[in-house]
Amino acid sequence: MSSASDHILHAIVQDGSVCLSYHLGIADGITLLSRRGHEPEFSAFAEDEPPPVIDARAKLDPHQPETRHYRAILRYSANEIRRFSNEIVLTLP
């Protein structure tokens, strides 16, 4: 079950890149994760960068549309708690 407050990660496709923004809230840090094409797992690609974060990586196959999945891990160091954000799914044409 999710609420509006769970939607801290937002993204748009712009000029062939993905522009990610987020609301950190009271978290101490953030790690952005992505999964491209048929990759089986998420991997980190940015940590503690101020928004907007631009994912300008080339598509795995430049001749085919590519689906990308994004998540964030919010860190609350005072309590050693990590929380996952909502998942964003986009397709690069």
Protein backbone atom coordinates (compact mmCIF):
# COMPACT_ATOMS: atom_id res chain seq x y z
CA MET A 1 0.00 0.00 0.00
CA SER A 2 1.39 3.42 -0.88
CA SER A 3 0.40 6.95 -0.10
CA ALA A 4 1.17 10.26 -1.76
CA SER A 5 4.05 10.72 0.69
CA ASP A 6 5.70 7.55 -0.70
CA HIS A 7 6.09 9.18 -4.12
CA ILE A 8 9.36 10.98 -3.49
CA LEU A 9 10.99 10.12 -6.83
CA HIS A 10 9.90 11.76 -10.10
CA ALA A 11 11.33 11.50 -13.61
CA ILE A 12 10.85 12.70 -17.17
CA VAL A 13 12.46 11.85 -20.50
CA GLN A 14 14.05 14.94 -22.01
CA ASP A 15 16.29 15.10 -25.10
CA GLY A 16 17.15 11.38 -24.91
CA SER A 17 18.11 11.50 -21.22
CA VAL A 18 16.19 10.88 -18.03
CA CYS A 19 15.89 13.77 -15.59
CA LEU A 20 15.26 12.57 -12.02
CA SER A 21 14.12 14.72 -9.14
CA TYR A 22 13.33 13.79 -5.58
CA HIS A 23 12.24 15.12 -2.22
CA LEU A 24 14.72 14.13 0.49
CA GLY A 25 12.51 15.19 3.39
CA ILE A 26 14.16 14.40 6.71
CA ALA A 27 16.46 11.73 5.25
CA ASP A 28 20.22 12.20 5.60
CA GLY A 29 21.13 10.84 2.17
CA ILE A 30 19.95 9.12 -0.97
CA THR A 31 21.21 6.47 -3.39
CA LEU A 32 19.62 6.32 -6.85
CA LEU A 33 19.27 2.91 -8.46
CA SER A 34 18.43 1.90 -12.02
CA ARG A 35 17.69 -1.18 -14.07
CA ARG A 36 17.96 -0.89 -17.86
CA GLY A 37 16.54 -3.09 -20.57
CA HIS A 38 16.70 -6.75 -19.54
CA GLU A 39 19.11 -6.27 -16.61
CA PRO A 40 17.95 -8.57 -13.80
CA GLU A 41 18.83 -6.34 -10.85
CA PHE A 42 18.96 -2.70 -9.83
CA SER A 43 22.39 -1.09 -9.55
CA ALA A 44 23.46 2.21 -7.99
CA PHE A 45 24.32 5.03 -10.38
CA ALA A 46 24.25 8.16 -8.18
CA GLU A 47 24.63 8.93 -4.50
CA ASP A 48 23.85 12.14 -2.61
CA GLU A 49 23.76 14.27 -5.78
CA PRO A 50 21.46 17.28 -5.58
CA PRO A 51 18.44 17.15 -7.88
CA PRO A 52 17.91 17.16 -10.74
CA VAL A 53 20.07 14.13 -11.54
CA ILE A 54 20.51 13.47 -15.26
CA ASP A 55 20.92 9.90 -16.50
CA ALA A 56 22.55 10.50 -19.88
CA ARG A 57 23.85 6.96 -20.36
CA ALA A 58 23.45 5.64 -23.89
CA LYS A 59 20.82 2.98 -24.50
CA LEU A 60 22.08 -0.60 -24.45
CA ASP A 61 20.83 -1.01 -28.04
CA PRO A 62 20.70 2.37 -29.80
CA HIS A 63 18.25 1.03 -32.41
CA GLN A 64 15.57 -0.18 -29.97
CA PRO A 65 13.38 1.52 -27.34
CA GLU A 66 14.68 0.89 -23.82
CA THR A 67 12.67 0.53 -20.63
CA ARG A 68 14.34 1.90 -17.51
CA HIS A 69 13.32 1.39 -13.91
CA TYR A 70 14.40 3.77 -11.15
CA ARG A 71 14.24 3.58 -7.35
CA ALA A 72 15.89 5.42 -4.53
CA ILE A 73 17.08 4.32 -1.13
CA LEU A 74 16.64 7.00 1.51
CA ARG A 75 19.07 6.84 4.43
CA TYR A 76 18.26 7.99 7.94
CA SER A 77 21.63 7.64 9.69
CA ALA A 78 20.46 8.64 13.15
CA ASN A 79 18.38 5.44 13.28
CA GLU A 80 20.36 3.37 10.71
CA ILE A 81 17.15 2.97 8.70
CA ARG A 82 16.90 2.65 4.93
CA ARG A 83 13.66 3.12 3.04
CA PHE A 84 12.90 2.41 -0.62
CA SER A 85 11.08 5.01 -2.70
CA ASN A 86 8.40 4.42 -5.27
CA GLU A 87 9.52 2.86 -8.55
CA ILE A 88 9.53 4.89 -11.76
CA VAL A 89 9.29 3.11 -15.15
CA LEU A 90 10.09 5.01 -18.35
CA THR A 91 10.78 4.08 -21.95
CA LEU A 92 13.42 5.87 -23.98
CA PRO A 93 12.31 5.92 -27.63
